[in-house]
PDB file of N, CA and C in Angstrom:
ATOM      1  N   MET A   1     121.985  10.967 -17.904  1.00  0.00           N
ATOM      2  CA  MET A   1     121.763  12.389 -17.871  1.00  0.00           C
ATOM      3  C   MET A   1     121.043  12.804 -19.149  1.00  0.00           C
ATOM      4  N   ASP A   2     119.979  13.587 -18.994  1.00  0.00           N
ATOM      5  CA  ASP A   2     119.277  14.128 -20.147  1.00  0.00           C
ATOM      6  C   ASP A   2     120.094  15.258 -20.748  1.00  0.00           C
ATOM      7  N   THR A   3     120.136  15.308 -22.064  1.00  0.00           N
ATOM      8  CA  THR A   3     120.829  16.404 -22.727  1.00  0.00           C
ATOM      9  C   THR A   3     119.810  17.443 -23.192  1.00  0.00           C
ATOM     10  N   ILE A   4     120.272  18.662 -23.318  1.00  0.00           N
ATOM     11  CA  ILE A   4     119.438  19.737 -23.833  1.00  0.00           C
ATOM     12  C   ILE A   4     120.157  20.344 -25.033  1.00  0.00           C
ATOM     13  N   ASP A   5     119.411  21.072 -25.839  1.00  0.00           N
ATOM     14  CA  ASP A   5     120.072  21.740 -26.955  1.00  0.00           C
ATOM     15  C   ASP A   5     120.303  23.209 -26.607  1.00  0.00           C
ATOM     16  N   TRP A   6     120.983  23.914 -27.492  1.00  0.00           N
ATOM     17  CA  TRP A   6     121.347  25.306 -27.245  1.00  0.00           C
ATOM     18  C   TRP A   6     120.124  26.172 -26.987  1.00  0.00           C
ATOM     19  N   ASP A   7     119.036  25.938 -27.709  1.00  0.00           N
ATOM     20  CA  ASP A   7     117.820  26.733 -27.519  1.00  0.00           C
ATOM     21  C   ASP A   7     117.263  26.566 -26.104  1.00  0.00           C
ATOM     22  N   ASP A   8     117.322  25.344 -25.555  1.00  0.00           N
ATOM     23  CA  ASP A   8     116.870  25.124 -24.177  1.00  0.00           C
ATOM     24  C   ASP A   8     117.709  25.954 -23.208  1.00  0.00           C
ATOM     25  N   PHE A   9     119.018  25.909 -23.378  1.00  0.00           N
ATOM     26  CA  PHE A   9     119.917  26.660 -22.507  1.00  0.00           C
ATOM     27  C   PHE A   9     119.664  28.163 -22.611  1.00  0.00           C
ATOM     28  N   GLN A  10     119.450  28.646 -23.822  1.00  0.00           N
ATOM     29  CA  GLN A  10     119.215  30.070 -24.046  1.00  0.00           C
ATOM     30  C   GLN A  10     117.948  30.579 -23.358  1.00  0.00           C
ATOM     31  N   ARG A  11     116.996  29.700 -23.112  1.00  0.00           N
ATOM     32  CA  ARG A  11     115.751  30.112 -22.460  1.00  0.00           C
ATOM     33  C   ARG A  11     115.948  30.403 -20.974  1.00  0.00           C
ATOM     34  N   VAL A  12     116.994  29.854 -20.370  1.00  0.00           N
ATOM     35  CA  VAL A  12     117.274  30.101 -18.955  1.00  0.00           C
ATOM     36  C   VAL A  12     118.074  31.402 -18.856  1.00  0.00           C
ATOM     37  N   GLU A  13     117.509  32.411 -18.199  1.00  0.00           N
ATOM     38  CA  GLU A  13     118.191  33.693 -18.057  1.00  0.00           C
ATOM     39  C   GLU A  13     118.987  33.706 -16.756  1.00  0.00           C
ATOM     40  N   LEU A  14     120.259  33.393 -16.878  1.00  0.00           N
ATOM     41  CA  LEU A  14     121.198  33.452 -15.760  1.00  0.00           C
ATOM     42  C   LEU A  14     121.924  34.786 -15.854  1.00  0.00           C
ATOM     43  N   LYS A  15     121.707  35.641 -14.842  1.00  0.00           N
ATOM     44  CA  LYS A  15     122.302  36.972 -14.858  1.00  0.00           C
ATOM     45  C   LYS A  15     123.058  37.227 -13.564  1.00  0.00           C
ATOM     46  N   VAL A  16     124.031  38.122 -13.647  1.00  0.00           N
ATOM     47  CA  VAL A  16     124.741  38.543 -12.448  1.00  0.00           C
ATOM     48  C   VAL A  16     123.947  39.681 -11.793  1.00  0.00           C
ATOM     49  N   GLY A  17     123.905  39.629 -10.470  1.00  0.00           N
ATOM     50  CA  GLY A  17     123.223  40.665  -9.711  1.00  0.00           C
ATOM     51  C   GLY A  17     124.016  41.005  -8.467  1.00  0.00           C
ATOM     52  N   ARG A  18     123.721  42.176  -7.897  1.00  0.00           N
ATOM     53  CA  ARG A  18     124.384  42.613  -6.673  1.00  0.00           C
ATOM     54  C   ARG A  18     123.356  42.607  -5.541  1.00  0.00           C
ATOM     55  N   ILE A  19     123.683  41.938  -4.440  1.00  0.00           N
ATOM     56  CA  ILE A  19     122.782  41.913  -3.285  1.00  0.00           C
ATOM     57  C   ILE A  19     122.739  43.322  -2.690  1.00  0.00           C
ATOM     58  N   VAL A  20     121.522  43.872  -2.600  1.00  0.00           N
ATOM     59  CA  VAL A  20     121.361  45.220  -2.043  1.00  0.00           C
ATOM     60  C   VAL A  20     120.733  45.190  -0.655  1.00  0.00           C
ATOM     61  N   GLU A  21     120.157  44.045  -0.281  1.00  0.00           N
ATOM     62  CA  GLU A  21     119.595  43.899   1.060  1.00  0.00           C
ATOM     63  C   GLU A  21     119.578  42.422   1.425  1.00  0.00           C
ATOM     64  N   ALA A  22     119.919  42.133   2.665  1.00  0.00           N
ATOM     65  CA  ALA A  22     119.884  40.759   3.181  1.00  0.00           C
ATOM     66  C   ALA A  22     119.289  40.805   4.582  1.00  0.00           C
ATOM     67  N   LEU A  23     118.252  40.004   4.791  1.00  0.00           N
ATOM     68  CA  LEU A  23     117.543  39.994   6.071  1.00  0.00           C
ATOM     69  C   LEU A  23     117.371  38.571   6.573  1.00  0.00           C
ATOM     70  N   PRO A  24     117.340  38.360   7.880  1.00  0.00           N
ATOM     71  CA  PRO A  24     116.995  37.041   8.408  1.00  0.00           C
ATOM     72  C   PRO A  24     115.579  36.668   7.960  1.00  0.00           C
ATOM     73  N   PHE A  25     115.326  35.378   7.847  1.00  0.00           N
ATOM     74  CA  PHE A  25     114.004  34.877   7.441  1.00  0.00           C
ATOM     75  C   PHE A  25     113.570  33.835   8.478  1.00  0.00           C
ATOM     76  N   PRO A  26     113.190  34.302   9.678  1.00  0.00           N
ATOM     77  CA  PRO A  26     112.882  33.366  10.770  1.00  0.00           C
ATOM     78  C   PRO A  26     111.667  32.478  10.505  1.00  0.00           C
ATOM     79  N   GLU A  27     110.780  32.872   9.589  1.00  0.00           N
ATOM     80  CA  GLU A  27     109.593  32.067   9.299  1.00  0.00           C
ATOM     81  C   GLU A  27     109.879  30.890   8.370  1.00  0.00           C
ATOM     82  N   ALA A  28     111.055  30.838   7.775  1.00  0.00           N
ATOM     83  CA  ALA A  28     111.397  29.758   6.837  1.00  0.00           C
ATOM     84  C   ALA A  28     111.479  28.422   7.564  1.00  0.00           C
ATOM     85  N   ARG A  29     111.060  27.354   6.894  1.00  0.00           N
ATOM     86  CA  ARG A  29     111.135  26.002   7.481  1.00  0.00           C
ATOM     87  C   ARG A  29     112.578  25.578   7.687  1.00  0.00           C
ATOM     88  N   LYS A  30     113.432  25.866   6.701  1.00  0.00           N
ATOM     89  CA  LYS A  30     114.869  25.616   6.809  1.00  0.00           C
ATOM     90  C   LYS A  30     115.540  26.975   6.926  1.00  0.00           C
ATOM     91  N   PRO A  31     116.632  27.083   7.672  1.00  0.00           N
ATOM     92  CA  PRO A  31     117.286  28.384   7.843  1.00  0.00           C
ATOM     93  C   PRO A  31     117.573  29.062   6.501  1.00  0.00           C
ATOM     94  N   ALA A  32     117.187  30.335   6.394  1.00  0.00           N
ATOM     95  CA  ALA A  32     117.324  31.066   5.135  1.00  0.00           C
ATOM     96  C   ALA A  32     117.398  32.562   5.399  1.00  0.00           C
ATOM     97  N   TYR A  33     117.800  33.280   4.360  1.00  0.00           N
ATOM     98  CA  TYR A  33     117.771  34.731   4.359  1.00  0.00           C
ATOM     99  C   TYR A  33     116.835  35.184   3.252  1.00  0.00           C
ATOM    100  N   ILE A  34     116.330  36.395   3.397  1.00  0.00           N
ATOM    101  CA  ILE A  34     115.610  37.061   2.319  1.00  0.00           C
ATOM    102  C   ILE A  34     116.604  38.025   1.681  1.00  0.00           C
ATOM    103  N   LEU A  35     116.819  37.846   0.383  1.00  0.00           N
ATOM    104  CA  LEU A  35     117.746  38.701  -0.343  1.00  0.00           C
ATOM    105  C   LEU A  35     116.990  39.559  -1.348  1.00  0.00           C
ATOM    106  N   ARG A  36     117.413  40.797  -1.495  1.00  0.00           N
ATOM    107  CA  ARG A  36     116.969  41.643  -2.597  1.00  0.00           C
ATOM    108  C   ARG A  36     118.203  41.840  -3.463  1.00  0.00           C
ATOM    109  N   VAL A  37     118.068  41.463  -4.743  1.00  0.00           N
ATOM    110  CA  VAL A  37     119.211  41.446  -5.654  1.00  0.00           C
ATOM    111  C   VAL A  37     118.927  42.359  -6.837  1.00  0.00           C
ATOM    112  N   ASP A  38     119.846  43.268  -7.111  1.00  0.00           N
ATOM    113  CA  ASP A  38     119.723  44.178  -8.245  1.00  0.00           C
ATOM    114  C   ASP A  38     120.355  43.543  -9.476  1.00  0.00           C
ATOM    115  N   PHE A  39     119.510  43.209 -10.459  1.00  0.00           N
ATOM    116  CA  PHE A  39     119.975  42.600 -11.697  1.00  0.00           C
ATOM    117  C   PHE A  39     120.098  43.621 -12.825  1.00  0.00           C
ATOM    118  N   GLY A  40     120.135  44.907 -12.487  1.00  0.00           N
ATOM    119  CA  GLY A  40     120.294  45.937 -13.506  1.00  0.00           C
ATOM    120  C   GLY A  40     119.050  46.073 -14.364  1.00  0.00           C
ATOM    121  N   GLU A  41     119.157  46.935 -15.365  1.00  0.00           N
ATOM    122  CA  GLU A  41     118.036  47.157 -16.281  1.00  0.00           C
ATOM    123  C   GLU A  41     118.064  46.115 -17.390  1.00  0.00           C
ATOM    124  N   PRO A  42     116.937  45.628 -17.841  1.00  0.00           N
ATOM    125  CA  PRO A  42     115.585  46.024 -17.469  1.00  0.00           C
ATOM    126  C   PRO A  42     114.984  45.197 -16.323  1.00  0.00           C
ATOM    127  N   THR A  43     115.716  44.237 -15.789  1.00  0.00           N
ATOM    128  CA  THR A  43     115.159  43.318 -14.790  1.00  0.00           C
ATOM    129  C   THR A  43     114.861  44.012 -13.465  1.00  0.00           C
ATOM    130  N   GLY A  44     115.795  44.809 -12.973  1.00  0.00           N
ATOM    131  CA  GLY A  44     115.610  45.527 -11.721  1.00  0.00           C
ATOM    132  C   GLY A  44     115.917  44.671 -10.501  1.00  0.00           C
ATOM    133  N   ILE A  45     115.316  45.045  -9.378  1.00  0.00           N
ATOM    134  CA  ILE A  45     115.568  44.371  -8.098  1.00  0.00           C
ATOM    135  C   ILE A  45     114.533  43.276  -7.882  1.00  0.00           C
ATOM    136  N   LEU A  46     115.022  42.057  -7.604  1.00  0.00           N
ATOM    137  CA  LEU A  46     114.158  40.900  -7.349  1.00  0.00           C
ATOM    138  C   LEU A  46     114.455  40.347  -5.959  1.00  0.00           C
ATOM    139  N   LYS A  47     113.444  39.724  -5.374  1.00  0.00           N
ATOM    140  CA  LYS A  47     113.553  39.141  -4.034  1.00  0.00           C
ATOM    141  C   LYS A  47     113.761  37.630  -4.157  1.00  0.00           C
ATOM    142  N   SER A  48     114.544  37.084  -3.239  1.00  0.00           N
ATOM    143  CA  SER A  48     114.794  35.644  -3.221  1.00  0.00           C
ATOM    144  C   SER A  48     114.927  35.151  -1.789  1.00  0.00           C
ATOM    145  N   SER A  49     114.445  33.946  -1.545  1.00  0.00           N
ATOM    146  CA  SER A  49     114.710  33.243  -0.303  1.00  0.00           C
ATOM    147  C   SER A  49     115.907  32.336  -0.570  1.00  0.00           C
ATOM    148  N   ALA A  50     116.953  32.469   0.239  1.00  0.00           N
ATOM    149  CA  ALA A  50     118.183  31.722  -0.017  1.00  0.00           C
ATOM    150  C   ALA A  50     118.631  30.976   1.231  1.00  0.00           C
ATOM    151  N   GLN A  51     118.792  29.655   1.103  1.00  0.00           N
ATOM    152  CA  GLN A  51     119.244  28.812   2.211  1.00  0.00           C
ATOM    153  C   GLN A  51     120.767  28.778   2.234  1.00  0.00           C
ATOM    154  N   ILE A  52     121.354  29.904   2.618  1.00  0.00           N
ATOM    155  CA  ILE A  52     122.810  30.053   2.595  1.00  0.00           C
ATOM    156  C   ILE A  52     123.368  30.414   3.969  1.00  0.00           C
ATOM    157  N   THR A  53     122.601  30.120   5.013  1.00  0.00           N
ATOM    158  CA  THR A  53     122.996  30.523   6.363  1.00  0.00           C
ATOM    159  C   THR A  53     124.184  29.739   6.909  1.00  0.00           C
ATOM    160  N   GLY A  54     124.488  28.591   6.345  1.00  0.00           N
ATOM    161  CA  GLY A  54     125.578  27.767   6.859  1.00  0.00           C
ATOM    162  C   GLY A  54     126.951  28.390   6.694  1.00  0.00           C
ATOM    163  N   LEU A  55     127.148  29.136   5.604  1.00  0.00           N
ATOM    164  CA  LEU A  55     128.471  29.700   5.318  1.00  0.00           C
ATOM    165  C   LEU A  55     128.503  31.219   5.287  1.00  0.00           C
ATOM    166  N   TYR A  56     127.343  31.855   5.269  1.00  0.00           N
ATOM    167  CA  TYR A  56     127.294  33.308   5.117  1.00  0.00           C
ATOM    168  C   TYR A  56     126.517  33.942   6.257  1.00  0.00           C
ATOM    169  N   ASP A  57     127.075  35.030   6.781  1.00  0.00           N
ATOM    170  CA  ASP A  57     126.368  35.830   7.769  1.00  0.00           C
ATOM    171  C   ASP A  57     125.632  36.930   7.019  1.00  0.00           C
ATOM    172  N   VAL A  58     124.440  37.250   7.478  1.00  0.00           N
ATOM    173  CA  VAL A  58     123.622  38.256   6.798  1.00  0.00           C
ATOM    174  C   VAL A  58     124.387  39.571   6.634  1.00  0.00           C
ATOM    175  N   SER A  59     125.274  39.888   7.568  1.00  0.00           N
ATOM    176  CA  SER A  59     126.006  41.159   7.539  1.00  0.00           C
ATOM    177  C   SER A  59     127.041  41.246   6.417  1.00  0.00           C
ATOM    178  N   GLU A  60     127.471  40.112   5.859  1.00  0.00           N
ATOM    179  CA  GLU A  60     128.511  40.136   4.828  1.00  0.00           C
ATOM    180  C   GLU A  60     127.960  40.058   3.407  1.00  0.00           C
ATOM    181  N   LEU A  61     126.650  39.966   3.242  1.00  0.00           N
ATOM    182  CA  LEU A  61     126.085  39.714   1.928  1.00  0.00           C
ATOM    183  C   LEU A  61     125.837  40.959   1.079  1.00  0.00           C
ATOM    184  N   VAL A  62     125.501  42.075   1.703  1.00  0.00           N
ATOM    185  CA  VAL A  62     125.209  43.286   0.921  1.00  0.00           C
ATOM    186  C   VAL A  62     126.449  43.703   0.133  1.00  0.00           C
ATOM    187  N   GLY A  63     126.251  43.918  -1.161  1.00  0.00           N
ATOM    188  CA  GLY A  63     127.341  44.293  -2.060  1.00  0.00           C
ATOM    189  C   GLY A  63     127.928  43.134  -2.824  1.00  0.00           C
ATOM    190  N   LYS A  64     127.634  41.910  -2.411  1.00  0.00           N
ATOM    191  CA  LYS A  64     128.187  40.710  -3.046  1.00  0.00           C
ATOM    192  C   LYS A  64     127.513  40.465  -4.398  1.00  0.00           C
ATOM    193  N   LEU A  65     128.318  40.117  -5.409  1.00  0.00           N
ATOM    194  CA  LEU A  65     127.781  39.708  -6.704  1.00  0.00           C
ATOM    195  C   LEU A  65     127.392  38.244  -6.647  1.00  0.00           C
ATOM    196  N   VAL A  66     126.254  37.907  -7.268  1.00  0.00           N
ATOM    197  CA  VAL A  66     125.770  36.529  -7.329  1.00  0.00           C
ATOM    198  C   VAL A  66     125.230  36.260  -8.727  1.00  0.00           C
ATOM    199  N   VAL A  67     125.042  34.990  -9.035  1.00  0.00           N
ATOM    200  CA  VAL A  67     124.423  34.588 -10.294  1.00  0.00           C
ATOM    201  C   VAL A  67     123.034  34.058  -9.968  1.00  0.00           C
ATOM    202  N   GLY A  68     122.040  34.550 -10.694  1.00  0.00           N
ATOM    203  CA  GLY A  68     120.669  34.126 -10.424  1.00  0.00           C
ATOM    204  C   GLY A  68     119.886  33.833 -11.687  1.00  0.00           C
ATOM    205  N   VAL A  69     118.900  32.958 -11.555  1.00  0.00           N
ATOM    206  CA  VAL A  69     117.951  32.699 -12.634  1.00  0.00           C
ATOM    207  C   VAL A  69     116.816  33.697 -12.446  1.00  0.00           C
ATOM    208  N   VAL A  70     116.580  34.527 -13.467  1.00  0.00           N
ATOM    209  CA  VAL A  70     115.603  35.605 -13.317  1.00  0.00           C
ATOM    210  C   VAL A  70     114.305  35.368 -14.080  1.00  0.00           C
ATOM    211  N   ASN A  71     114.187  34.239 -14.778  1.00  0.00           N
ATOM    212  CA  ASN A  71     112.952  34.011 -15.526  1.00  0.00           C
ATOM    213  C   ASN A  71     112.161  32.781 -15.073  1.00  0.00           C
ATOM    214  N   PHE A  72     112.366  32.353 -13.833  1.00  0.00           N
ATOM    215  CA  PHE A  72     111.451  31.378 -13.228  1.00  0.00           C
ATOM    216  C   PHE A  72     110.192  32.121 -12.800  1.00  0.00           C
ATOM    217  N   PRO A  73     109.051  31.447 -12.744  1.00  0.00           N
ATOM    218  CA  PRO A  73     107.871  32.120 -12.203  1.00  0.00           C
ATOM    219  C   PRO A  73     108.048  32.357 -10.707  1.00  0.00           C
ATOM    220  N   PRO A  74     107.450  33.422 -10.161  1.00  0.00           N
ATOM    221  CA  PRO A  74     107.540  33.663  -8.721  1.00  0.00           C
ATOM    222  C   PRO A  74     107.010  32.470  -7.934  1.00  0.00           C
ATOM    223  N   ARG A  75     107.584  32.252  -6.742  1.00  0.00           N
ATOM    224  CA  ARG A  75     107.193  31.114  -5.908  1.00  0.00           C
ATOM    225  C   ARG A  75     106.984  31.588  -4.471  1.00  0.00           C
ATOM    226  N   GLN A  76     105.847  31.240  -3.912  1.00  0.00           N
ATOM    227  CA  GLN A  76     105.538  31.618  -2.538  1.00  0.00           C
ATOM    228  C   GLN A  76     106.301  30.708  -1.581  1.00  0.00           C
ATOM    229  N   ILE A  77     107.115  31.307  -0.723  1.00  0.00           N
ATOM    230  CA  ILE A  77     107.860  30.562   0.289  1.00  0.00           C
ATOM    231  C   ILE A  77     107.485  31.187   1.627  1.00  0.00           C
ATOM    232  N   GLY A  78     106.553  30.556   2.323  1.00  0.00           N
ATOM    233  CA  GLY A  78     106.018  31.140   3.552  1.00  0.00           C
ATOM    234  C   GLY A  78     105.405  32.490   3.223  1.00  0.00           C
ATOM    235  N   PRO A  79     105.748  33.522   3.975  1.00  0.00           N
ATOM    236  CA  PRO A  79     105.183  34.840   3.715  1.00  0.00           C
ATOM    237  C   PRO A  79     105.907  35.625   2.614  1.00  0.00           C
ATOM    238  N   VAL A  80     106.928  35.019   1.990  1.00  0.00           N
ATOM    239  CA  VAL A  80     107.747  35.724   1.004  1.00  0.00           C
ATOM    240  C   VAL A  80     107.478  35.181  -0.403  1.00  0.00           C
ATOM    241  N   MET A  81     107.300  36.102  -1.353  1.00  0.00           N
ATOM    242  CA  MET A  81     107.207  35.721  -2.759  1.00  0.00           C
ATOM    243  C   MET A  81     108.611  35.814  -3.345  1.00  0.00           C
ATOM    244  N   SER A  82     109.205  34.653  -3.637  1.00  0.00           N
ATOM    245  CA  SER A  82     110.546  34.602  -4.200  1.00  0.00           C
ATOM    246  C   SER A  82     110.435  34.807  -5.709  1.00  0.00           C
ATOM    247  N   GLU A  83     111.207  35.781  -6.242  1.00  0.00           N
ATOM    248  CA  GLU A  83     111.092  36.165  -7.646  1.00  0.00           C
ATOM    249  C   GLU A  83     112.262  35.700  -8.505  1.00  0.00           C
ATOM    250  N   CYS A  84     113.297  35.161  -7.889  1.00  0.00           N
ATOM    251  CA  CYS A  84     114.453  34.673  -8.637  1.00  0.00           C
ATOM    252  C   CYS A  84     115.108  33.558  -7.833  1.00  0.00           C
ATOM    253  N   LEU A  85     115.996  32.835  -8.477  1.00  0.00           N
ATOM    254  CA  LEU A  85     116.739  31.770  -7.809  1.00  0.00           C
ATOM    255  C   LEU A  85     118.212  32.153  -7.790  1.00  0.00           C
ATOM    256  N   VAL A  86     118.753  32.393  -6.611  1.00  0.00           N
ATOM    257  CA  VAL A  86     120.182  32.647  -6.456  1.00  0.00           C
ATOM    258  C   VAL A  86     120.872  31.284  -6.488  1.00  0.00           C
ATOM    259  N   THR A  87     121.898  31.150  -7.322  1.00  0.00           N
ATOM    260  CA  THR A  87     122.504  29.845  -7.559  1.00  0.00           C
ATOM    261  C   THR A  87     123.691  29.575  -6.636  1.00  0.00           C
ATOM    262  N   GLY A  88     123.947  28.287  -6.420  1.00  0.00           N
ATOM    263  CA  GLY A  88     125.061  27.865  -5.598  1.00  0.00           C
ATOM    264  C   GLY A  88     125.287  26.369  -5.719  1.00  0.00           C
ATOM    265  N   PHE A  89     126.281  25.893  -5.015  1.00  0.00           N
ATOM    266  CA  PHE A  89     126.665  24.485  -5.013  1.00  0.00           C
ATOM    267  C   PHE A  89     126.738  24.001  -3.574  1.00  0.00           C
ATOM    268  N   HIS A  90     126.366  22.753  -3.339  1.00  0.00           N
ATOM    269  CA  HIS A  90     126.527  22.166  -2.005  1.00  0.00           C
ATOM    270  C   HIS A  90     127.975  21.735  -1.822  1.00  0.00           C
ATOM    271  N   ASP A  91     128.554  22.101  -0.681  1.00  0.00           N
ATOM    272  CA  ASP A  91     129.899  21.628  -0.370  1.00  0.00           C
ATOM    273  C   ASP A  91     129.812  20.244   0.260  1.00  0.00           C
ATOM    274  N   GLU A  92     130.931  19.699   0.714  1.00  0.00           N
ATOM    275  CA  GLU A  92     130.955  18.342   1.261  1.00  0.00           C
ATOM    276  C   GLU A  92     130.144  18.204   2.549  1.00  0.00           C
ATOM    277  N   ASP A  93     129.854  19.326   3.212  1.00  0.00           N
ATOM    278  CA  ASP A  93     129.048  19.289   4.430  1.00  0.00           C
ATOM    279  C   ASP A  93     127.577  19.626   4.189  1.00  0.00           C
ATOM    280  N   GLY A  94     127.206  19.866   2.929  1.00  0.00           N
ATOM    281  CA  GLY A  94     125.824  20.182   2.602  1.00  0.00           C
ATOM    282  C   GLY A  94     125.485  21.661   2.655  1.00  0.00           C
ATOM    283  N   ASN A  95     126.467  22.507   2.942  1.00  0.00           N
ATOM    284  CA  ASN A  95     126.235  23.953   2.944  1.00  0.00           C
ATOM    285  C   ASN A  95     126.247  24.482   1.520  1.00  0.00           C
ATOM    286  N   VAL A  96     125.477  25.533   1.266  1.00  0.00           N
ATOM    287  CA  VAL A  96     125.434  26.126  -0.066  1.00  0.00           C
ATOM    288  C   VAL A  96     126.537  27.176  -0.196  1.00  0.00           C
ATOM    289  N   VAL A  97     127.359  27.001  -1.241  1.00  0.00           N
ATOM    290  CA  VAL A  97     128.393  27.960  -1.618  1.00  0.00           C
ATOM    291  C   VAL A  97     127.850  28.734  -2.808  1.00  0.00           C
ATOM    292  N   LEU A  98     127.746  30.048  -2.672  1.00  0.00           N
ATOM    293  CA  LEU A  98     127.183  30.860  -3.743  1.00  0.00           C
ATOM    294  C   LEU A  98     128.012  30.773  -5.016  1.00  0.00           C
ATOM    295  N   CYS A  99     127.308  30.774  -6.147  1.00  0.00           N
ATOM    296  CA  CYS A  99     127.947  30.852  -7.458  1.00  0.00           C
ATOM    297  C   CYS A  99     128.173  32.345  -7.740  1.00  0.00           C
ATOM    298  N   VAL A 100     129.426  32.747  -7.833  1.00  0.00           N
ATOM    299  CA  VAL A 100     129.766  34.162  -7.989  1.00  0.00           C
ATOM    300  C   VAL A 100     130.815  34.328  -9.090  1.00  0.00           C
ATOM    301  N   PRO A 101     130.785  35.467  -9.797  1.00  0.00           N
ATOM    302  CA  PRO A 101     131.867  35.725 -10.750  1.00  0.00           C
ATOM    303  C   PRO A 101     133.161  36.002 -10.000  1.00  0.00           C
ATOM    304  N   ASP A 102     134.295  35.628 -10.576  1.00  0.00           N
ATOM    305  CA  ASP A 102     135.556  35.840  -9.875  1.00  0.00           C
ATOM    306  C   ASP A 102     136.188  37.200 -10.175  1.00  0.00           C
ATOM    307  N   ARG A 103     135.516  37.999 -10.994  1.00  0.00           N
ATOM    308  CA  ARG A 103     135.938  39.376 -11.275  1.00  0.00           C
ATOM    309  C   ARG A 103     134.685  40.247 -11.336  1.00  0.00           C
ATOM    310  N   PRO A 104     134.835  41.557 -11.170  1.00  0.00           N
ATOM    311  CA  PRO A 104     133.650  42.437 -11.227  1.00  0.00           C
ATOM    312  C   PRO A 104     132.949  42.358 -12.591  1.00  0.00           C
ATOM    313  N   VAL A 105     131.636  42.294 -12.526  1.00  0.00           N
ATOM    314  CA  VAL A 105     130.782  42.249 -13.715  1.00  0.00           C
ATOM    315  C   VAL A 105     129.594  43.167 -13.434  1.00  0.00           C
ATOM    316  N   PRO A 106     129.204  44.009 -14.392  1.00  0.00           N
ATOM    317  CA  PRO A 106     128.053  44.883 -14.145  1.00  0.00           C
ATOM    318  C   PRO A 106     126.776  44.073 -13.950  1.00  0.00           C
ATOM    319  N   PRO A 107     125.957  44.444 -12.960  1.00  0.00           N
ATOM    320  CA  PRO A 107     124.672  43.752 -12.768  1.00  0.00           C
ATOM    321  C   PRO A 107     123.845  43.752 -14.058  1.00  0.00           C
ATOM    322  N   GLY A 108     123.215  42.618 -14.303  1.00  0.00           N
ATOM    323  CA  GLY A 108     122.376  42.468 -15.485  1.00  0.00           C
ATOM    324  C   GLY A 108     123.033  41.719 -16.617  1.00  0.00           C
ATOM    325  N   ARG A 109     124.342  41.522 -16.527  1.00  0.00           N
ATOM    326  CA  ARG A 109     125.008  40.777 -17.607  1.00  0.00           C
ATOM    327  C   ARG A 109     124.571  39.322 -17.550  1.00  0.00           C
ATOM    328  N   ARG A 110     124.333  38.779 -18.725  1.00  0.00           N
ATOM    329  CA  ARG A 110     123.828  37.414 -18.843  1.00  0.00           C
ATOM    330  C   ARG A 110     124.976  36.425 -18.999  1.00  0.00           C
ATOM    331  N   LEU A 111     124.807  35.252 -18.371  1.00  0.00           N
ATOM    332  CA  LEU A 111     125.792  34.182 -18.523  1.00  0.00           C
ATOM    333  C   LEU A 111     125.804  33.740 -19.977  1.00  0.00           C
ATOM    334  N   LEU A 112     126.994  33.583 -20.518  1.00  0.00           N
ATOM    335  CA  LEU A 112     127.132  33.157 -21.924  1.00  0.00           C
ATOM    336  C   LEU A 112     127.369  31.681 -22.038  1.00  0.00           C
TER     337      LEU A 112
END
């Protein structure tokens, strides 16, 4: 495993955000949703393509807090420009489990 130093870690902006919109993404090659996530000021609302359909229904996502990387460059995914990476872990069946805070945190707070 490659190690990184504190400065490398500090360059990755991992922030908590609240999902404000979740839509099906039928054009995606792998099943996915289009999420709009509010990361508070000054970041604002960013769009993400998220392959989380295995464990989450689009109807339950709005209002959910998530952890996202907000300083990756935008990436074109089919017709959608993804502006952030919503984080998660693969479970034993390969489904993505969202990385979420276990208590309320204001959107925009950075992971320490």
